């Protein structure tokens, strides 16, 4: 599931990560850095997946979709694979 949404996570990760980092720094100033990083990462990824789901099919859905010019072409079948089908 996350592999299909990697573009969403890659492009917009910085915003919820920055907000989460600031919130955890204010709420837990003496918190363990490892657990804080894990919590911020999980929060950011879940937030992005929910945001992508919320805007899917709307006018702003283009923010989370790959443009047509950047899509990968389907793999070509070799002569032996074409005969088998």
N, C-alpha and C. Protein backbone atom coordinates (compact mmCIF):
# COMPACT_ATOMS: atom_id res chain seq x y z
N UNK A 1 0.81 -1.19 0.00
CA UNK A 1 0.00 0.00 0.00
C UNK A 1 0.86 1.27 0.00
N UNK A 2 1.88 1.31 0.81
CA UNK A 2 2.72 2.50 0.88
C UNK A 2 3.55 2.68 -0.38
N UNK A 3 3.90 1.59 -1.05
CA UNK A 3 4.70 1.70 -2.27
C UNK A 3 3.97 2.45 -3.36
N UNK A 4 2.69 2.26 -3.47
CA UNK A 4 1.90 2.99 -4.47
C UNK A 4 1.74 4.45 -4.11
N UNK A 5 1.94 4.79 -2.89
CA UNK A 5 1.77 6.16 -2.43
C UNK A 5 3.11 6.84 -2.13
N UNK A 6 4.20 6.29 -2.62
CA UNK A 6 5.51 6.85 -2.29
C UNK A 6 5.67 8.26 -2.83
N UNK A 7 5.06 8.59 -3.97
CA UNK A 7 5.15 9.94 -4.50
C UNK A 7 4.49 10.94 -3.53
N UNK A 8 3.37 10.55 -2.98
CA UNK A 8 2.66 11.39 -2.01
C UNK A 8 3.55 11.64 -0.81
N UNK A 9 4.13 10.59 -0.29
CA UNK A 9 4.96 10.71 0.90
C UNK A 9 6.22 11.51 0.60
N UNK A 10 6.82 11.27 -0.53
CA UNK A 10 8.07 11.95 -0.89
C UNK A 10 7.87 13.45 -1.08
N UNK A 11 6.83 13.83 -1.79
CA UNK A 11 6.67 15.23 -2.15
C UNK A 11 6.17 16.12 -1.02
N UNK A 12 5.36 15.59 -0.13
CA UNK A 12 4.72 16.44 0.87
C UNK A 12 5.14 16.12 2.30
N UNK A 13 6.15 15.31 2.50
CA UNK A 13 6.53 14.86 3.83
C UNK A 13 7.00 15.99 4.73
N UNK A 14 7.65 16.99 4.16
CA UNK A 14 8.31 18.01 4.97
C UNK A 14 7.33 18.80 5.84
N UNK A 15 6.13 19.08 5.34
CA UNK A 15 5.21 19.94 6.09
C UNK A 15 4.69 19.29 7.38
N UNK A 16 4.07 18.10 7.32
CA UNK A 16 3.63 17.51 8.59
C UNK A 16 4.81 17.11 9.48
N UNK A 17 5.97 16.81 8.88
CA UNK A 17 7.14 16.48 9.68
C UNK A 17 7.60 17.71 10.48
N UNK A 18 7.62 18.86 9.84
CA UNK A 18 8.04 20.07 10.53
C UNK A 18 7.07 20.44 11.64
N UNK A 19 5.78 20.33 11.37
CA UNK A 19 4.78 20.63 12.40
C UNK A 19 4.89 19.64 13.56
N UNK A 20 5.02 18.36 13.25
CA UNK A 20 5.15 17.34 14.29
C UNK A 20 6.40 17.53 15.12
N UNK A 21 7.49 17.89 14.46
CA UNK A 21 8.75 18.13 15.18
C UNK A 21 8.61 19.29 16.15
N UNK A 22 7.96 20.37 15.71
CA UNK A 22 7.78 21.52 16.59
C UNK A 22 6.85 21.19 17.76
N UNK A 23 5.78 20.45 17.47
CA UNK A 23 4.85 20.07 18.55
C UNK A 23 5.52 19.18 19.59
N UNK A 24 6.25 18.18 19.13
CA UNK A 24 6.90 17.29 20.10
C UNK A 24 7.99 18.01 20.87
N UNK A 25 8.67 18.96 20.24
CA UNK A 25 9.70 19.72 20.96
C UNK A 25 9.08 20.59 22.05
N UNK A 26 7.89 21.10 21.79
CA UNK A 26 7.22 21.93 22.81
C UNK A 26 6.56 21.09 23.90
N UNK A 27 5.94 19.97 23.51
CA UNK A 27 5.22 19.15 24.48
C UNK A 27 6.14 18.25 25.30
N UNK A 28 7.21 17.77 24.67
CA UNK A 28 8.14 16.86 25.33
C UNK A 28 9.57 17.34 25.13
N UNK A 29 9.96 18.41 25.80
CA UNK A 29 11.30 18.97 25.57
C UNK A 29 12.43 18.02 25.97
N UNK A 30 12.19 17.13 26.92
CA UNK A 30 13.22 16.20 27.36
C UNK A 30 12.98 14.79 26.83
N UNK A 31 12.18 14.67 25.77
CA UNK A 31 11.84 13.37 25.22
C UNK A 31 13.03 12.70 24.55
N UNK A 32 12.99 11.38 24.47
CA UNK A 32 14.03 10.61 23.81
C UNK A 32 14.03 10.93 22.32
N UNK A 33 15.15 11.30 21.74
CA UNK A 33 15.18 11.67 20.32
C UNK A 33 14.76 10.54 19.38
N UNK A 34 15.08 9.31 19.72
CA UNK A 34 14.71 8.18 18.87
C UNK A 34 13.21 7.98 18.81
N UNK A 35 12.56 7.99 19.97
CA UNK A 35 11.11 7.82 20.01
C UNK A 35 10.40 9.02 19.39
N UNK A 36 10.97 10.20 19.60
CA UNK A 36 10.39 11.40 19.01
C UNK A 36 10.45 11.33 17.49
N UNK A 37 11.58 10.91 16.95
CA UNK A 37 11.71 10.79 15.49
C UNK A 37 10.74 9.75 14.94
N UNK A 38 10.59 8.64 15.63
CA UNK A 38 9.65 7.61 15.19
C UNK A 38 8.22 8.13 15.21
N UNK A 39 7.85 8.81 16.28
CA UNK A 39 6.48 9.34 16.39
C UNK A 39 6.21 10.39 15.32
N UNK A 40 7.16 11.26 15.07
CA UNK A 40 6.98 12.31 14.05
C UNK A 40 6.88 11.68 12.67
N UNK A 41 7.67 10.67 12.37
CA UNK A 41 7.62 10.00 11.07
C UNK A 41 6.27 9.33 10.86
N UNK A 42 5.81 8.60 11.86
CA UNK A 42 4.51 7.92 11.75
C UNK A 42 3.40 8.95 11.59
N UNK A 43 3.43 10.00 12.37
CA UNK A 43 2.42 11.05 12.28
C UNK A 43 2.41 11.68 10.89
N UNK A 44 3.57 11.97 10.35
CA UNK A 44 3.66 12.61 9.03
C UNK A 44 3.14 11.69 7.93
N UNK A 45 3.51 10.43 7.95
CA UNK A 45 3.08 9.49 6.91
C UNK A 45 1.57 9.28 6.97
N UNK A 46 1.04 9.08 8.16
CA UNK A 46 -0.40 8.87 8.30
C UNK A 46 -1.17 10.12 7.88
N UNK A 47 -0.68 11.29 8.26
CA UNK A 47 -1.32 12.54 7.87
C UNK A 47 -1.36 12.69 6.35
N UNK A 48 -0.26 12.36 5.69
CA UNK A 48 -0.22 12.47 4.23
C UNK A 48 -1.16 11.49 3.55
N UNK A 49 -1.21 10.28 4.06
CA UNK A 49 -2.11 9.29 3.46
C UNK A 49 -3.58 9.70 3.64
N UNK A 50 -3.91 10.26 4.78
CA UNK A 50 -5.28 10.75 5.00
C UNK A 50 -5.59 11.96 4.11
N UNK A 51 -4.61 12.85 3.95
CA UNK A 51 -4.82 14.01 3.09
C UNK A 51 -5.00 13.58 1.65
N UNK A 52 -4.22 12.63 1.19
CA UNK A 52 -4.35 12.14 -0.18
C UNK A 52 -5.70 11.50 -0.41
N UNK A 53 -6.17 10.75 0.55
CA UNK A 53 -7.48 10.12 0.45
C UNK A 53 -8.59 11.17 0.44
N UNK A 54 -8.41 12.24 1.21
CA UNK A 54 -9.44 13.28 1.31
C UNK A 54 -9.58 14.08 0.02
N UNK A 55 -8.49 14.29 -0.70
CA UNK A 55 -8.56 15.11 -1.91
C UNK A 55 -8.67 14.29 -3.19
N UNK A 56 -8.65 12.98 -3.08
CA UNK A 56 -8.78 12.12 -4.27
C UNK A 56 -10.13 12.38 -4.94
N UNK A 57 -10.10 12.65 -6.24
CA UNK A 57 -11.33 12.89 -6.99
C UNK A 57 -11.84 14.32 -6.91
N UNK A 58 -11.12 15.20 -6.24
CA UNK A 58 -11.52 16.60 -6.16
C UNK A 58 -10.64 17.44 -7.08
N UNK A 59 -10.88 18.73 -7.11
CA UNK A 59 -10.08 19.62 -7.96
C UNK A 59 -8.61 19.68 -7.55
N UNK A 60 -8.33 19.51 -6.29
CA UNK A 60 -6.94 19.57 -5.84
C UNK A 60 -6.28 18.19 -5.83
N UNK A 61 -6.94 17.20 -6.37
CA UNK A 61 -6.37 15.87 -6.44
C UNK A 61 -5.11 15.79 -7.27
N UNK A 62 -4.91 16.77 -8.16
CA UNK A 62 -3.70 16.78 -8.99
C UNK A 62 -2.43 16.92 -8.15
N UNK A 63 -2.57 17.44 -6.94
CA UNK A 63 -1.39 17.59 -6.08
C UNK A 63 -0.75 16.25 -5.73
N UNK A 64 -1.54 15.20 -5.72
CA UNK A 64 -1.04 13.89 -5.33
C UNK A 64 -1.07 12.88 -6.48
N UNK A 65 -1.08 13.35 -7.73
CA UNK A 65 -1.07 12.41 -8.84
C UNK A 65 0.10 12.70 -9.76
N UNK A 66 0.60 11.66 -10.37
CA UNK A 66 1.73 11.79 -11.28
C UNK A 66 1.22 12.34 -12.61
N UNK A 67 1.91 13.35 -13.17
CA UNK A 67 1.47 13.87 -14.47
C UNK A 67 1.65 12.82 -15.56
N UNK A 68 0.86 12.94 -16.61
CA UNK A 68 0.89 11.94 -17.69
C UNK A 68 2.27 11.84 -18.32
N UNK A 69 2.99 12.94 -18.43
CA UNK A 69 4.30 12.90 -19.07
C UNK A 69 5.34 12.16 -18.22
N UNK A 70 5.07 11.98 -16.93
CA UNK A 70 6.03 11.33 -16.05
C UNK A 70 5.67 9.88 -15.73
N UNK A 71 4.65 9.35 -16.38
CA UNK A 71 4.25 7.96 -16.11
C UNK A 71 5.18 7.00 -16.82
N UNK A 72 5.38 5.87 -16.19
CA UNK A 72 6.22 4.85 -16.77
C UNK A 72 5.43 4.05 -17.79
N UNK A 73 6.07 3.72 -18.89
CA UNK A 73 5.41 2.92 -19.92
C UNK A 73 5.33 1.47 -19.44
N UNK A 74 4.28 0.75 -19.82
CA UNK A 74 4.21 -0.67 -19.44
C UNK A 74 5.35 -1.44 -20.09
N UNK A 75 5.85 -2.48 -19.45
CA UNK A 75 6.98 -3.22 -20.02
C UNK A 75 6.58 -3.90 -21.32
N UNK A 76 7.51 -3.91 -22.27
CA UNK A 76 7.25 -4.59 -23.54
C UNK A 76 7.51 -6.08 -23.38
N UNK A 77 6.68 -6.86 -24.01
CA UNK A 77 6.84 -8.30 -23.97
C UNK A 77 7.81 -8.73 -25.06
N UNK A 78 8.68 -9.66 -24.72
CA UNK A 78 9.60 -10.21 -25.72
C UNK A 78 8.85 -11.16 -26.66
N UNK A 79 9.51 -11.64 -27.72
CA UNK A 79 8.82 -12.50 -28.68
C UNK A 79 8.33 -13.81 -28.06
N UNK A 80 9.07 -14.38 -27.12
CA UNK A 80 8.64 -15.63 -26.50
C UNK A 80 7.45 -15.40 -25.57
N UNK A 81 7.44 -14.30 -24.85
CA UNK A 81 6.32 -14.01 -23.95
C UNK A 81 5.07 -13.67 -24.75
N UNK A 82 5.22 -13.01 -25.89
CA UNK A 82 4.06 -12.68 -26.73
C UNK A 82 3.43 -13.93 -27.31
N UNK A 83 4.22 -14.95 -27.64
CA UNK A 83 3.69 -16.19 -28.19
C UNK A 83 2.93 -16.99 -27.14
N UNK A 84 3.38 -16.89 -25.89
CA UNK A 84 2.76 -17.69 -24.83
C UNK A 84 1.38 -17.16 -24.46
N UNK A 85 1.10 -15.90 -24.75
CA UNK A 85 -0.20 -15.34 -24.37
C UNK A 85 -1.24 -15.48 -25.42
